[in-house]
């Protein structure tokens, strides 16, 4: 739905917003303990998205649930960026200050 978008906040929340409603959130997702730096929709499963944060975590969400499905702990570094693989619904990459991590959920969480 191109009318829906997600916005991360400094407080660690993710707000689900609509272009049709400019003065209210449709939903608020709570889980991160620090600023949310990136949110990425899964290109194969449009109800699923990832978020990363200054709290060193990556979270997997379903659009219909305000709590994360899974939380992935990276090394002791801030996660600045995440991206789903264009070839698999289960693979994503995360970037911190010193390296790129590749996660494959079909192998292990």
C-alpha atoms as a PDB file:
ATOM      1  CA  UNK A   1       0.000   0.000   0.000  1.00  0.00           C
ATOM      2  CA  UNK A   2       1.794   3.135  -1.180  1.00  0.00           C
ATOM      3  CA  UNK A   3      -0.409   5.210   1.124  1.00  0.00           C
ATOM      4  CA  UNK A   4       1.229   3.690   4.258  1.00  0.00           C
ATOM      5  CA  UNK A   5       4.698   4.527   5.567  1.00  0.00           C
ATOM      6  CA  UNK A   6       6.707   3.934   8.752  1.00  0.00           C
ATOM      7  CA  UNK A   7       8.669   6.551  10.685  1.00  0.00           C
ATOM      8  CA  UNK A   8      11.276   5.824  13.366  1.00  0.00           C
ATOM      9  CA  UNK A   9      11.743   8.180  16.315  1.00  0.00           C
ATOM     10  CA  UNK A  10      14.548   9.251  18.640  1.00  0.00           C
ATOM     11  CA  UNK A  11      12.580   7.641  21.513  1.00  0.00           C
ATOM     12  CA  UNK A  12      12.765   4.184  19.894  1.00  0.00           C
ATOM     13  CA  UNK A  13       9.202   4.044  18.565  1.00  0.00           C
ATOM     14  CA  UNK A  14       8.047   3.291  15.052  1.00  0.00           C
ATOM     15  CA  UNK A  15       4.886   5.043  13.899  1.00  0.00           C
ATOM     16  CA  UNK A  16       2.739   3.607  11.135  1.00  0.00           C
ATOM     17  CA  UNK A  17       1.356   6.559   9.196  1.00  0.00           C
ATOM     18  CA  UNK A  18      -0.968   7.171   6.281  1.00  0.00           C
ATOM     19  CA  UNK A  19      -0.825   9.890   3.674  1.00  0.00           C
ATOM     20  CA  UNK A  20      -4.592  10.234   4.173  1.00  0.00           C
ATOM     21  CA  UNK A  21      -4.325  11.084   7.905  1.00  0.00           C
ATOM     22  CA  UNK A  22      -1.770  13.788   8.526  1.00  0.00           C
ATOM     23  CA  UNK A  23      -2.491  14.457  12.209  1.00  0.00           C
ATOM     24  CA  UNK A  24      -2.532  10.983  13.773  1.00  0.00           C
ATOM     25  CA  UNK A  25      -0.676   7.668  13.744  1.00  0.00           C
ATOM     26  CA  UNK A  26      -2.410   4.482  12.701  1.00  0.00           C
ATOM     27  CA  UNK A  27      -0.229   2.382  15.006  1.00  0.00           C
ATOM     28  CA  UNK A  28       2.837   2.680  17.249  1.00  0.00           C
ATOM     29  CA  UNK A  29       5.371  -0.147  17.455  1.00  0.00           C
ATOM     30  CA  UNK A  30       7.389  -0.270  20.684  1.00  0.00           C
ATOM     31  CA  UNK A  31      10.537  -2.287  21.273  1.00  0.00           C
ATOM     32  CA  UNK A  32      13.737  -0.339  20.734  1.00  0.00           C
ATOM     33  CA  UNK A  33      15.507   1.379  23.631  1.00  0.00           C
ATOM     34  CA  UNK A  34      17.257   3.965  21.469  1.00  0.00           C
ATOM     35  CA  UNK A  35      16.791   5.984  18.284  1.00  0.00           C
ATOM     36  CA  UNK A  36      15.534   4.010  15.280  1.00  0.00           C
ATOM     37  CA  UNK A  37      17.890   4.560  12.337  1.00  0.00           C
ATOM     38  CA  UNK A  38      16.352   2.481   9.563  1.00  0.00           C
ATOM     39  CA  UNK A  39      13.186   0.570   8.698  1.00  0.00           C
ATOM     40  CA  UNK A  40      13.032  -1.820   5.737  1.00  0.00           C
ATOM     41  CA  UNK A  41       9.978  -3.589   4.306  1.00  0.00           C
ATOM     42  CA  UNK A  42      10.500  -7.196   3.191  1.00  0.00           C
ATOM     43  CA  UNK A  43      10.184  -7.165  -0.622  1.00  0.00           C
ATOM     44  CA  UNK A  44       8.603 -10.653  -0.657  1.00  0.00           C
ATOM     45  CA  UNK A  45       6.369 -10.526   2.436  1.00  0.00           C
ATOM     46  CA  UNK A  46       4.860  -7.053   2.527  1.00  0.00           C
ATOM     47  CA  UNK A  47       3.426  -7.473   6.031  1.00  0.00           C
ATOM     48  CA  UNK A  48       6.942  -7.932   7.481  1.00  0.00           C
ATOM     49  CA  UNK A  49       9.593  -5.292   8.159  1.00  0.00           C
ATOM     50  CA  UNK A  50      12.912  -4.865   9.959  1.00  0.00           C
ATOM     51  CA  UNK A  51      14.166  -1.994  12.088  1.00  0.00           C
ATOM     52  CA  UNK A  52      17.590  -1.167  13.487  1.00  0.00           C
ATOM     53  CA  UNK A  53      18.592   1.127  16.285  1.00  0.00           C
ATOM     54  CA  UNK A  54      21.267   2.778  18.367  1.00  0.00           C
ATOM     55  CA  UNK A  55      20.439   0.148  21.031  1.00  0.00           C
ATOM     56  CA  UNK A  56      22.556  -2.397  19.055  1.00  0.00           C
ATOM     57  CA  UNK A  57      19.499  -4.419  18.030  1.00  0.00           C
ATOM     58  CA  UNK A  58      17.625  -5.412  14.897  1.00  0.00           C
ATOM     59  CA  UNK A  59      13.941  -6.247  15.229  1.00  0.00           C
ATOM     60  CA  UNK A  60      11.630  -8.209  12.969  1.00  0.00           C
ATOM     61  CA  UNK A  61       8.006  -7.048  12.959  1.00  0.00           C
ATOM     62  CA  UNK A  62       4.659  -7.946  11.449  1.00  0.00           C
ATOM     63  CA  UNK A  63       2.543  -4.997  10.438  1.00  0.00           C
ATOM     64  CA  UNK A  64      -0.430  -6.347  12.435  1.00  0.00           C
ATOM     65  CA  UNK A  65       1.460  -6.636  15.770  1.00  0.00           C
ATOM     66  CA  UNK A  66       2.868  -3.762  17.841  1.00  0.00           C
ATOM     67  CA  UNK A  67       5.517  -5.985  19.483  1.00  0.00           C
ATOM     68  CA  UNK A  68       8.505  -7.459  17.609  1.00  0.00           C
ATOM     69  CA  UNK A  69       8.439 -11.092  16.482  1.00  0.00           C
ATOM     70  CA  UNK A  70      12.197 -11.523  16.899  1.00  0.00           C
ATOM     71  CA  UNK A  71      15.073  -9.441  18.206  1.00  0.00           C
ATOM     72  CA  UNK A  72      18.574  -9.946  16.834  1.00  0.00           C
ATOM     73  CA  UNK A  73      21.558  -8.832  18.878  1.00  0.00           C
ATOM     74  CA  UNK A  74      24.544  -7.596  16.998  1.00  0.00           C
ATOM     75  CA  UNK A  75      28.003  -7.040  18.380  1.00  0.00           C
ATOM     76  CA  UNK A  76      28.400  -4.195  20.842  1.00  0.00           C
ATOM     77  CA  UNK A  77      27.947  -1.555  18.149  1.00  0.00           C
ATOM     78  CA  UNK A  78      25.188   0.693  16.914  1.00  0.00           C
ATOM     79  CA  UNK A  79      23.376  -0.708  13.856  1.00  0.00           C
ATOM     80  CA  UNK A  80      23.173   2.101  11.308  1.00  0.00           C
ATOM     81  CA  UNK A  81      21.553   0.425   8.347  1.00  0.00           C
ATOM     82  CA  UNK A  82      19.693  -2.718   7.273  1.00  0.00           C
ATOM     83  CA  UNK A  83      18.589  -4.032   3.903  1.00  0.00           C
ATOM     84  CA  UNK A  84      16.676  -7.116   2.767  1.00  0.00           C
ATOM     85  CA  UNK A  85      18.182  -9.259   0.051  1.00  0.00           C
ATOM     86  CA  UNK A  86      16.558  -8.689  -3.346  1.00  0.00           C
ATOM     87  CA  UNK A  87      16.751 -12.475  -3.911  1.00  0.00           C
ATOM     88  CA  UNK A  88      15.430 -14.013  -0.681  1.00  0.00           C
ATOM     89  CA  UNK A  89      12.691 -13.296   1.852  1.00  0.00           C
ATOM     90  CA  UNK A  90      14.940 -14.683   4.604  1.00  0.00           C
ATOM     91  CA  UNK A  91      18.264 -12.876   4.106  1.00  0.00           C
ATOM     92  CA  UNK A  92      19.185  -9.379   5.228  1.00  0.00           C
ATOM     93  CA  UNK A  93      22.330  -7.373   5.876  1.00  0.00           C
ATOM     94  CA  UNK A  94      23.114  -5.059   8.779  1.00  0.00           C
ATOM     95  CA  UNK A  95      25.857  -2.445   8.965  1.00  0.00           C
ATOM     96  CA  UNK A  96      27.575  -1.201  12.102  1.00  0.00           C
ATOM     97  CA  UNK A  97      30.697   0.914  12.601  1.00  0.00           C
ATOM     98  CA  UNK A  98      33.168  -1.829  11.732  1.00  0.00           C
ATOM     99  CA  UNK A  99      31.490  -4.484   9.583  1.00  0.00           C
ATOM    100  CA  UNK A 100      28.611  -5.788   7.515  1.00  0.00           C
ATOM    101  CA  UNK A 101      26.683  -8.720   8.975  1.00  0.00           C
ATOM    102  CA  UNK A 102      24.663 -11.108   6.796  1.00  0.00           C
ATOM    103  CA  UNK A 103      21.717 -12.826   8.498  1.00  0.00           C
ATOM    104  CA  UNK A 104      19.931 -15.821   6.942  1.00  0.00           C
ATOM    105  CA  UNK A 105      16.729 -16.683   8.781  1.00  0.00           C
ATOM    106  CA  UNK A 106      16.276 -19.890   6.766  1.00  0.00           C
ATOM    107  CA  UNK A 107      19.411 -21.246   8.494  1.00  0.00           C
ATOM    108  CA  UNK A 108      19.088 -19.814  12.014  1.00  0.00           C
ATOM    109  CA  UNK A 109      17.846 -16.793  13.916  1.00  0.00           C
END
